[in-house]
Amino acid sequence: MSDVRLGFKQMCAKFEVTPRTLRYYEYIELLSPEKEGRNRFYTPREVARMTLIMRGRRFGFSLEEIRQWLEIYEHSGTHTQLSAWLDMADRQLVALKTQSAELDRTIHELHKLREDAAALLGDERT
């Protein structure tokens, strides 16, 4: 991994987040940039953590779940962290599949109502 550090603005641009988001992640101890005066610098370790944070958010995990999962690595290492990841992933997959089924039902119902309304109007867009 490279030893290049990113500045605050570079980090925001790389991950397409606002400065407020980046400062908040630092505040809740998801990130710990190096500080030189008022400047923050993000090491490859912090870039890797941010990559995991962004991926976790995309998968629907809460920031607290992500924070706890990242902390496991610091205290117990990779094996324990991967085991925790499997548990988290299993729980989230169940939740996402449930949401997907609910969305499918809602989409089907909306299509049906739309078709019924179009038929009542004699709308040819059906």
Protein backbone atom coordinates (compact mmCIF):
# COMPACT_ATOMS: atom_id res chain seq x y z
CA MET A 1 0.00 0.00 0.00
CA SER A 2 1.20 3.49 -0.81
CA ASP A 3 2.44 5.85 1.89
CA VAL A 4 0.70 8.80 0.21
CA ARG A 5 -1.50 10.84 2.51
CA LEU A 6 -4.60 12.61 1.30
CA GLY A 7 -5.63 16.05 2.46
CA PHE A 8 -9.11 16.83 3.71
CA LYS A 9 -10.41 18.12 0.36
CA GLN A 10 -8.82 15.22 -1.51
CA MET A 11 -10.50 12.75 0.81
CA CYS A 12 -13.89 14.42 0.32
CA ALA A 13 -13.44 14.33 -3.45
CA LYS A 14 -12.20 10.73 -3.54
CA PHE A 15 -15.26 9.43 -1.68
CA GLU A 16 -17.74 12.05 -2.89
CA VAL A 17 -18.71 13.08 0.63
CA THR A 18 -19.25 16.48 2.16
CA PRO A 19 -16.75 18.03 4.57
CA ARG A 20 -19.45 17.75 7.23
CA THR A 21 -19.69 13.97 6.68
CA LEU A 22 -15.94 13.52 6.93
CA ARG A 23 -15.75 15.59 10.13
CA TYR A 24 -18.68 13.61 11.58
CA TYR A 25 -16.95 10.28 10.85
CA GLU A 26 -13.95 11.62 12.71
CA TYR A 27 -16.14 12.83 15.59
CA ILE A 28 -17.72 9.39 16.05
CA GLU A 29 -14.27 7.80 15.81
CA LEU A 30 -14.68 5.97 12.53
CA LEU A 31 -11.65 7.83 11.21
CA SER A 32 -8.53 9.15 12.89
CA PRO A 33 -6.62 11.38 10.49
CA GLU A 34 -3.18 12.67 11.30
CA LYS A 35 -3.29 16.31 12.31
CA GLU A 36 -0.68 18.94 11.63
CA GLY A 37 -1.93 22.22 13.01
CA ARG A 38 -5.40 22.72 11.54
CA ASN A 39 -4.75 20.37 8.62
CA ARG A 40 -5.93 16.77 8.50
CA PHE A 41 -4.14 14.08 6.53
CA TYR A 42 -5.55 10.66 5.75
CA THR A 43 -3.14 7.74 5.59
CA PRO A 44 -3.69 4.62 3.48
CA ARG A 45 -5.16 3.02 6.63
CA GLU A 46 -7.80 5.75 6.86
CA VAL A 47 -8.52 5.51 3.13
CA ALA A 48 -9.07 1.75 3.55
CA ARG A 49 -11.36 2.36 6.53
CA MET A 50 -13.34 4.93 4.55
CA THR A 51 -13.71 2.42 1.70
CA LEU A 52 -15.17 -0.07 4.18
CA ILE A 53 -17.42 2.59 5.72
CA MET A 54 -18.81 3.59 2.34
CA ARG A 55 -19.37 -0.03 1.36
CA GLY A 56 -21.09 -0.73 4.69
CA ARG A 57 -23.39 2.26 4.23
CA ARG A 58 -24.27 1.10 0.72
CA PHE A 59 -25.20 -2.32 2.12
CA GLY A 60 -27.45 -0.63 4.68
CA PHE A 61 -25.41 -1.03 7.87
CA SER A 62 -25.68 1.66 10.52
CA LEU A 63 -22.64 3.75 11.37
CA GLU A 64 -22.63 2.18 14.83
CA GLU A 65 -22.55 -1.33 13.34
CA ILE A 66 -19.67 -0.28 11.09
CA ARG A 67 -17.81 1.35 13.99
CA GLN A 68 -18.13 -1.77 16.14
CA TRP A 69 -17.06 -4.00 13.25
CA LEU A 70 -13.96 -1.88 12.57
CA GLU A 71 -13.15 -1.90 16.27
CA ILE A 72 -13.14 -5.71 16.33
CA TYR A 73 -10.12 -5.69 14.03
CA GLU A 74 -8.24 -3.35 16.36
CA HIS A 75 -8.89 -5.54 19.40
CA SER A 76 -9.20 -9.10 18.10
CA GLY A 77 -7.75 -9.29 14.60
CA THR A 78 -8.85 -10.43 11.19
CA HIS A 79 -10.34 -13.84 12.01
CA THR A 80 -12.73 -12.47 14.62
CA GLN A 81 -13.59 -9.54 12.38
CA LEU A 82 -14.41 -11.84 9.45
CA SER A 83 -16.57 -14.01 11.69
CA ALA A 84 -18.48 -10.93 12.84
CA TRP A 85 -18.78 -9.84 9.20
CA LEU A 86 -20.45 -13.13 8.28
CA ASP A 87 -23.01 -12.66 11.05
CA MET A 88 -23.67 -9.06 10.01
CA ALA A 89 -23.96 -10.00 6.34
CA ASP A 90 -26.39 -12.83 7.09
CA ARG A 91 -28.64 -10.49 9.11
CA GLN A 92 -28.50 -7.79 6.46
CA LEU A 93 -29.24 -10.22 3.62
CA VAL A 94 -32.42 -11.32 5.40
CA ALA A 95 -33.45 -7.69 5.87
CA LEU A 96 -32.68 -6.76 2.26
CA LYS A 97 -34.57 -9.77 0.90
CA THR A 98 -37.58 -8.80 3.01
CA GLN A 99 -37.41 -5.23 1.71
CA SER A 100 -37.07 -6.51 -1.85
CA ALA A 101 -40.17 -8.70 -1.50
CA GLU A 102 -42.12 -5.75 -0.07
CA LEU A 103 -40.98 -3.53 -2.96
CA ASP A 104 -41.98 -6.20 -5.49
CA ARG A 105 -45.47 -6.37 -3.95
CA THR A 106 -45.79 -2.58 -3.94
CA ILE A 107 -44.64 -2.29 -7.57
CA HIS A 108 -47.07 -5.00 -8.64
CA GLU A 109 -49.94 -3.29 -6.81
CA LEU A 110 -49.08 0.10 -8.32
CA HIS A 111 -48.95 -1.39 -11.83
CA LYS A 112 -52.37 -2.99 -11.29
CA LEU A 113 -53.93 0.25 -10.00
CA ARG A 114 -52.42 2.20 -12.88
CA GLU A 115 -53.77 -0.30 -15.42
CA ASP A 116 -57.23 -0.14 -13.83
CA ALA A 117 -57.22 3.68 -13.89
CA ALA A 118 -56.01 3.76 -17.51
CA ALA A 119 -58.73 1.28 -18.50
CA LEU A 120 -61.39 3.46 -16.87
CA LEU A 121 -60.20 6.44 -18.89
CA GLY A 122 -59.78 4.44 -22.08
CA ASP A 123 -56.16 5.55 -22.01
CA GLU A 124 -54.15 3.93 -24.76
CA ARG A 125 -50.88 4.13 -22.80
CA THR A 126 -51.61 0.81 -21.03
